[in-house]
C-alpha atoms as a PDB file:
ATOM      1  CA  MET A   1       0.000   0.000   0.000  1.00  0.00           C
ATOM      2  CA  LEU A   2       2.895   2.331   0.772  1.00  0.00           C
ATOM      3  CA  ILE A   3       4.325   1.823  -2.723  1.00  0.00           C
ATOM      4  CA  LEU A   4       0.933   2.619  -4.258  1.00  0.00           C
ATOM      5  CA  VAL A   5       0.612   5.858  -2.267  1.00  0.00           C
ATOM      6  CA  ILE A   6       4.165   6.925  -3.154  1.00  0.00           C
ATOM      7  CA  ALA A   7       3.646   6.111  -6.853  1.00  0.00           C
ATOM      8  CA  VAL A   8       0.333   7.989  -7.017  1.00  0.00           C
ATOM      9  CA  CYS A   9       1.839  11.043  -5.292  1.00  0.00           C
ATOM     10  CA  MET A  10       4.842  11.007  -7.607  1.00  0.00           C
ATOM     11  CA  ASN A  11       2.621  10.698 -10.680  1.00  0.00           C
ATOM     12  CA  LEU A  12       0.428  13.561  -9.488  1.00  0.00           C
ATOM     13  CA  VAL A  13       3.507  15.762  -9.083  1.00  0.00           C
ATOM     14  CA  SER A  14       5.006  14.774 -12.441  1.00  0.00           C
ATOM     15  CA  ASN A  15       1.751  15.321 -14.336  1.00  0.00           C
ATOM     16  CA  TYR A  16       1.267  18.665 -12.596  1.00  0.00           C
ATOM     17  CA  ILE A  17       4.742  19.728 -13.756  1.00  0.00           C
ATOM     18  CA  ILE A  18       3.970  18.558 -17.291  1.00  0.00           C
ATOM     19  CA  LYS A  19       0.661  20.431 -17.238  1.00  0.00           C
ATOM     20  CA  LYS A  20       2.417  23.654 -16.181  1.00  0.00           C
ATOM     21  CA  ARG A  21       5.452  23.378 -18.484  1.00  0.00           C
ATOM     22  CA  VAL A  22       4.041  21.782 -21.662  1.00  0.00           C
ATOM     23  CA  ASP A  23       1.376  23.215 -23.939  1.00  0.00           C
ATOM     24  CA  VAL A  24      -0.594  19.975 -24.239  1.00  0.00           C
ATOM     25  CA  LYS A  25      -3.117  21.388 -26.734  1.00  0.00           C
ATOM     26  CA  ALA A  26      -0.328  22.486 -29.088  1.00  0.00           C
ATOM     27  CA  GLU A  27       1.347  19.120 -28.630  1.00  0.00           C
ATOM     28  CA  ARG A  28      -1.859  17.322 -29.612  1.00  0.00           C
ATOM     29  CA  MET A  29      -2.260  19.542 -32.684  1.00  0.00           C
ATOM     30  CA  VAL A  30       1.341  18.891 -33.743  1.00  0.00           C
ATOM     31  CA  ARG A  31       0.870  15.149 -33.258  1.00  0.00           C
ATOM     32  CA  ALA A  32      -2.346  15.185 -35.324  1.00  0.00           C
ATOM     33  CA  GLU A  33      -0.625  17.182 -38.072  1.00  0.00           C
ATOM     34  CA  TYR A  34       2.329  14.799 -38.010  1.00  0.00           C
ATOM     35  CA  ASN A  35       0.048  11.767 -38.306  1.00  0.00           C
ATOM     36  CA  ALA A  36      -1.821  13.371 -41.227  1.00  0.00           C
ATOM     37  CA  VAL A  37       1.430  14.191 -43.017  1.00  0.00           C
ATOM     38  CA  MET A  38       2.768  10.669 -42.486  1.00  0.00           C
ATOM     39  CA  LYS A  39      -0.476   9.207 -43.838  1.00  0.00           C
ATOM     40  CA  GLU A  40      -0.204  11.442 -46.892  1.00  0.00           C
ATOM     41  CA  TYR A  41       3.433  10.393 -47.342  1.00  0.00           C
ATOM     42  CA  ARG A  42       2.583   6.672 -47.164  1.00  0.00           C
ATOM     43  CA  GLU A  43      -0.241   7.164 -49.675  1.00  0.00           C
ATOM     44  CA  ALA A  44       2.111   9.053 -51.993  1.00  0.00           C
ATOM     45  CA  LEU A  45       4.652   6.245 -51.783  1.00  0.00           C
ATOM     46  CA  SER A  46       2.034   3.631 -52.574  1.00  0.00           C
ATOM     47  CA  SER A  47       0.734   5.652 -55.544  1.00  0.00           C
ATOM     48  CA  GLY A  48       4.221   6.036 -57.047  1.00  0.00           C
ATOM     49  CA  ASP A  49       3.601   9.651 -58.176  1.00  0.00           C
ATOM     50  CA  GLN A  50       7.027  11.308 -57.840  1.00  0.00           C
ATOM     51  CA  ALA A  51       5.704  14.901 -57.644  1.00  0.00           C
ATOM     52  CA  ARG A  52       3.326  13.908 -54.859  1.00  0.00           C
ATOM     53  CA  ILE A  53       6.137  12.070 -53.043  1.00  0.00           C
ATOM     54  CA  ASP A  54       8.374  15.168 -53.224  1.00  0.00           C
ATOM     55  CA  ARG A  55       5.636  17.414 -51.822  1.00  0.00           C
ATOM     56  CA  ALA A  56       4.946  14.935 -49.058  1.00  0.00           C
ATOM     57  CA  LYS A  57       8.664  14.713 -48.200  1.00  0.00           C
ATOM     58  CA  LYS A  58       8.850  18.491 -47.769  1.00  0.00           C
ATOM     59  CA  ARG A  59       5.791  18.506 -45.508  1.00  0.00           C
ATOM     60  CA  GLN A  60       7.176  15.492 -43.637  1.00  0.00           C
ATOM     61  CA  LYS A  61      10.410  17.318 -42.831  1.00  0.00           C
ATOM     62  CA  VAL A  62       8.558  20.341 -41.412  1.00  0.00           C
ATOM     63  CA  ALA A  63       6.201  18.099 -39.419  1.00  0.00           C
ATOM     64  CA  GLN A  64       9.139  16.119 -38.001  1.00  0.00           C
ATOM     65  CA  GLU A  65      10.859  19.320 -36.886  1.00  0.00           C
ATOM     66  CA  MET A  66       7.698  20.485 -35.122  1.00  0.00           C
ATOM     67  CA  MET A  67       7.309  17.060 -33.504  1.00  0.00           C
ATOM     68  CA  MET A  68      10.922  17.077 -32.293  1.00  0.00           C
ATOM     69  CA  LYS A  69      10.457  20.535 -30.789  1.00  0.00           C
ATOM     70  CA  GLN A  70       7.381  19.394 -28.851  1.00  0.00           C
ATOM     71  CA  SER A  71       9.140  16.217 -27.733  1.00  0.00           C
ATOM     72  CA  SER A  72      12.119  18.171 -26.433  1.00  0.00           C
ATOM     73  CA  VAL A  73       9.838  20.442 -24.366  1.00  0.00           C
ATOM     74  CA  ARG A  74       8.208  17.396 -22.762  1.00  0.00           C
ATOM     75  CA  MET A  75      11.600  15.760 -22.192  1.00  0.00           C
ATOM     76  CA  LYS A  76      12.947  18.871 -20.462  1.00  0.00           C
ATOM     77  CA  SER A  77      10.025  18.821 -18.052  1.00  0.00           C
ATOM     78  CA  THR A  78      10.813  15.178 -17.306  1.00  0.00           C
ATOM     79  CA  PHE A  79      14.258  16.094 -16.006  1.00  0.00           C
ATOM     80  CA  TYR A  80      12.702  18.209 -13.243  1.00  0.00           C
ATOM     81  CA  PHE A  81      11.368  15.139 -11.476  1.00  0.00           C
ATOM     82  CA  LEU A  82      13.590  12.301 -12.709  1.00  0.00           C
ATOM     83  CA  LEU A  83      16.377  12.680 -10.144  1.00  0.00           C
ATOM     84  CA  PRO A  84      14.130  13.370  -7.114  1.00  0.00           C
ATOM     85  CA  PHE A  85      11.944  10.372  -7.991  1.00  0.00           C
ATOM     86  CA  THR A  86      14.987   8.148  -8.323  1.00  0.00           C
ATOM     87  CA  LEU A  87      16.096   9.261  -4.877  1.00  0.00           C
ATOM     88  CA  VAL A  88      12.615   8.518  -3.492  1.00  0.00           C
ATOM     89  CA  TYR A  89      12.783   5.017  -4.966  1.00  0.00           C
ATOM     90  CA  PHE A  90      16.170   4.307  -3.408  1.00  0.00           C
ATOM     91  CA  ALA A  91      15.050   5.708  -0.052  1.00  0.00           C
ATOM     92  CA  ALA A  92      11.975   3.447  -0.115  1.00  0.00           C
ATOM     93  CA  SER A  93      14.168   0.535  -1.193  1.00  0.00           C
ATOM     94  CA  TYR A  94      16.475   1.180   1.730  1.00  0.00           C
ATOM     95  CA  VAL A  95      13.566   1.223   4.182  1.00  0.00           C
ATOM     96  CA  ILE A  96      11.614  -1.704   2.703  1.00  0.00           C
ATOM     97  CA  GLY A  97      14.532  -3.729   1.346  1.00  0.00           C
ATOM     98  CA  PHE A  98      15.692  -4.173  -2.238  1.00  0.00           C
ATOM     99  CA  GLY A  99      14.877  -7.864  -2.531  1.00  0.00           C
ATOM    100  CA  THR A 100      11.737  -7.835  -0.404  1.00  0.00           C
ATOM    101  CA  HIS A 101       8.690  -9.434  -1.972  1.00  0.00           C
ATOM    102  CA  THR A 102       6.050  -6.720  -1.892  1.00  0.00           C
ATOM    103  CA  ALA A 103       3.190  -8.141  -3.996  1.00  0.00           C
ATOM    104  CA  ILE A 104       1.939 -11.316  -5.650  1.00  0.00           C
ATOM    105  CA  SER A 105       0.971 -12.090  -9.210  1.00  0.00           C
ATOM    106  CA  PRO A 106      -1.141 -14.927 -10.613  1.00  0.00           C
ATOM    107  CA  TYR A 107       1.362 -15.290 -13.480  1.00  0.00           C
ATOM    108  CA  ALA A 108       5.083 -15.915 -13.630  1.00  0.00           C
ATOM    109  CA  PHE A 109       7.076 -13.548 -15.863  1.00  0.00           C
ATOM    110  CA  ASP A 110      10.693 -12.535 -16.191  1.00  0.00           C
ATOM    111  CA  LEU A 111      11.523  -9.417 -18.215  1.00  0.00           C
ATOM    112  CA  TYR A 112      14.973  -8.348 -17.005  1.00  0.00           C
ATOM    113  CA  LEU A 113      14.159  -6.079 -14.029  1.00  0.00           C
ATOM    114  CA  VAL A 114      10.427  -6.730 -14.046  1.00  0.00           C
ATOM    115  CA  ARG A 115       9.870 -10.253 -12.787  1.00  0.00           C
ATOM    116  CA  SER A 116       7.520 -12.440 -10.853  1.00  0.00           C
ATOM    117  CA  SER A 117       9.139 -15.826 -10.692  1.00  0.00           C
ATOM    118  CA  VAL A 118       9.347 -16.948  -7.058  1.00  0.00           C
ATOM    119  CA  PRO A 119       6.525 -19.432  -6.314  1.00  0.00           C
ATOM    120  CA  MET A 120       4.460 -18.426  -3.303  1.00  0.00           C
ATOM    121  CA  GLY A 121       1.409 -20.519  -2.459  1.00  0.00           C
ATOM    122  CA  GLY A 122       0.007 -20.905  -5.971  1.00  0.00           C
ATOM    123  CA  TYR A 123       1.006 -17.362  -6.935  1.00  0.00           C
ATOM    124  CA  TYR A 124       4.303 -15.676  -7.775  1.00  0.00           C
ATOM    125  CA  ALA A 125       6.037 -13.069  -5.652  1.00  0.00           C
ATOM    126  CA  MET A 126       7.032  -9.705  -7.102  1.00  0.00           C
ATOM    127  CA  ASP A 127      10.002  -7.846  -5.726  1.00  0.00           C
ATOM    128  CA  LEU A 128      10.038  -4.132  -4.965  1.00  0.00           C
ATOM    129  CA  ILE A 129      11.166  -2.807  -8.353  1.00  0.00           C
ATOM    130  CA  THR A 130       8.612  -4.939 -10.225  1.00  0.00           C
ATOM    131  CA  TRP A 131       5.740  -3.744  -8.056  1.00  0.00           C
ATOM    132  CA  TRP A 132       7.027  -0.150  -8.250  1.00  0.00           C
ATOM    133  CA  ILE A 133       7.087  -0.261 -12.065  1.00  0.00           C
ATOM    134  CA  VAL A 134       3.657  -1.902 -12.367  1.00  0.00           C
ATOM    135  CA  VAL A 135       1.986   0.515  -9.953  1.00  0.00           C
ATOM    136  CA  SER A 136       3.738   3.552 -11.454  1.00  0.00           C
ATOM    137  CA  PHE A 137       2.662   2.758 -15.007  1.00  0.00           C
ATOM    138  CA  ALA A 138      -0.887   1.861 -14.020  1.00  0.00           C
ATOM    139  CA  SER A 139      -1.419   4.949 -11.873  1.00  0.00           C
ATOM    140  CA  ASN A 140       0.231   7.208 -14.443  1.00  0.00           C
ATOM    141  CA  LEU A 141      -2.188   6.068 -17.144  1.00  0.00           C
ATOM    142  CA  ILE A 142      -5.158   7.014 -14.987  1.00  0.00           C
ATOM    143  CA  ILE A 143      -3.700  10.276 -13.653  1.00  0.00           C
ATOM    144  CA  ALA A 144      -2.458  11.463 -17.064  1.00  0.00           C
ATOM    145  CA  ARG A 145      -5.909  10.916 -18.563  1.00  0.00           C
ATOM    146  CA  ALA A 146      -7.612  12.640 -15.636  1.00  0.00           C
ATOM    147  CA  MET A 147      -5.278  15.666 -15.737  1.00  0.00           C
ATOM    148  CA  GLY A 148      -5.311  15.850 -19.541  1.00  0.00           C
ATOM    149  CA  THR A 149      -1.553  15.461 -20.003  1.00  0.00           C
ATOM    150  CA  SER A 150      -1.611  12.346 -22.162  1.00  0.00           C
ATOM    151  CA  THR A 151      -1.232  12.806 -25.900  1.00  0.00           C
END
């Protein structure tokens, strides 16, 4: 439960920072424009019309530049909370214990750091980092949608 509360608080803070630093409406418009340009480019390639392909390539370059600019703004806002959140994780790990089993899963899985492979009464135990990652991603999906910061 402690991990869940920490993850939710951290996601609230990070999405608040994103909401204040990133123009989400402009980012959505740029993403929609980029998707439209890429669709036009794919259609031009499939048609084989060289003039249409050249026009689409020019529009694609401009759209990619706009997309990169928006991505860099979002990435810069990420750096504001990346280091403090890493420190919070290590502090919690120190208190709880790095290898402590903190949750159970009905399925066994092993994906490098994210794993649930220790049998535990018909279920599989998840260690701290696995539970932290699962809870962080799940709560971030909900919070980002609720705060309107997802694209």
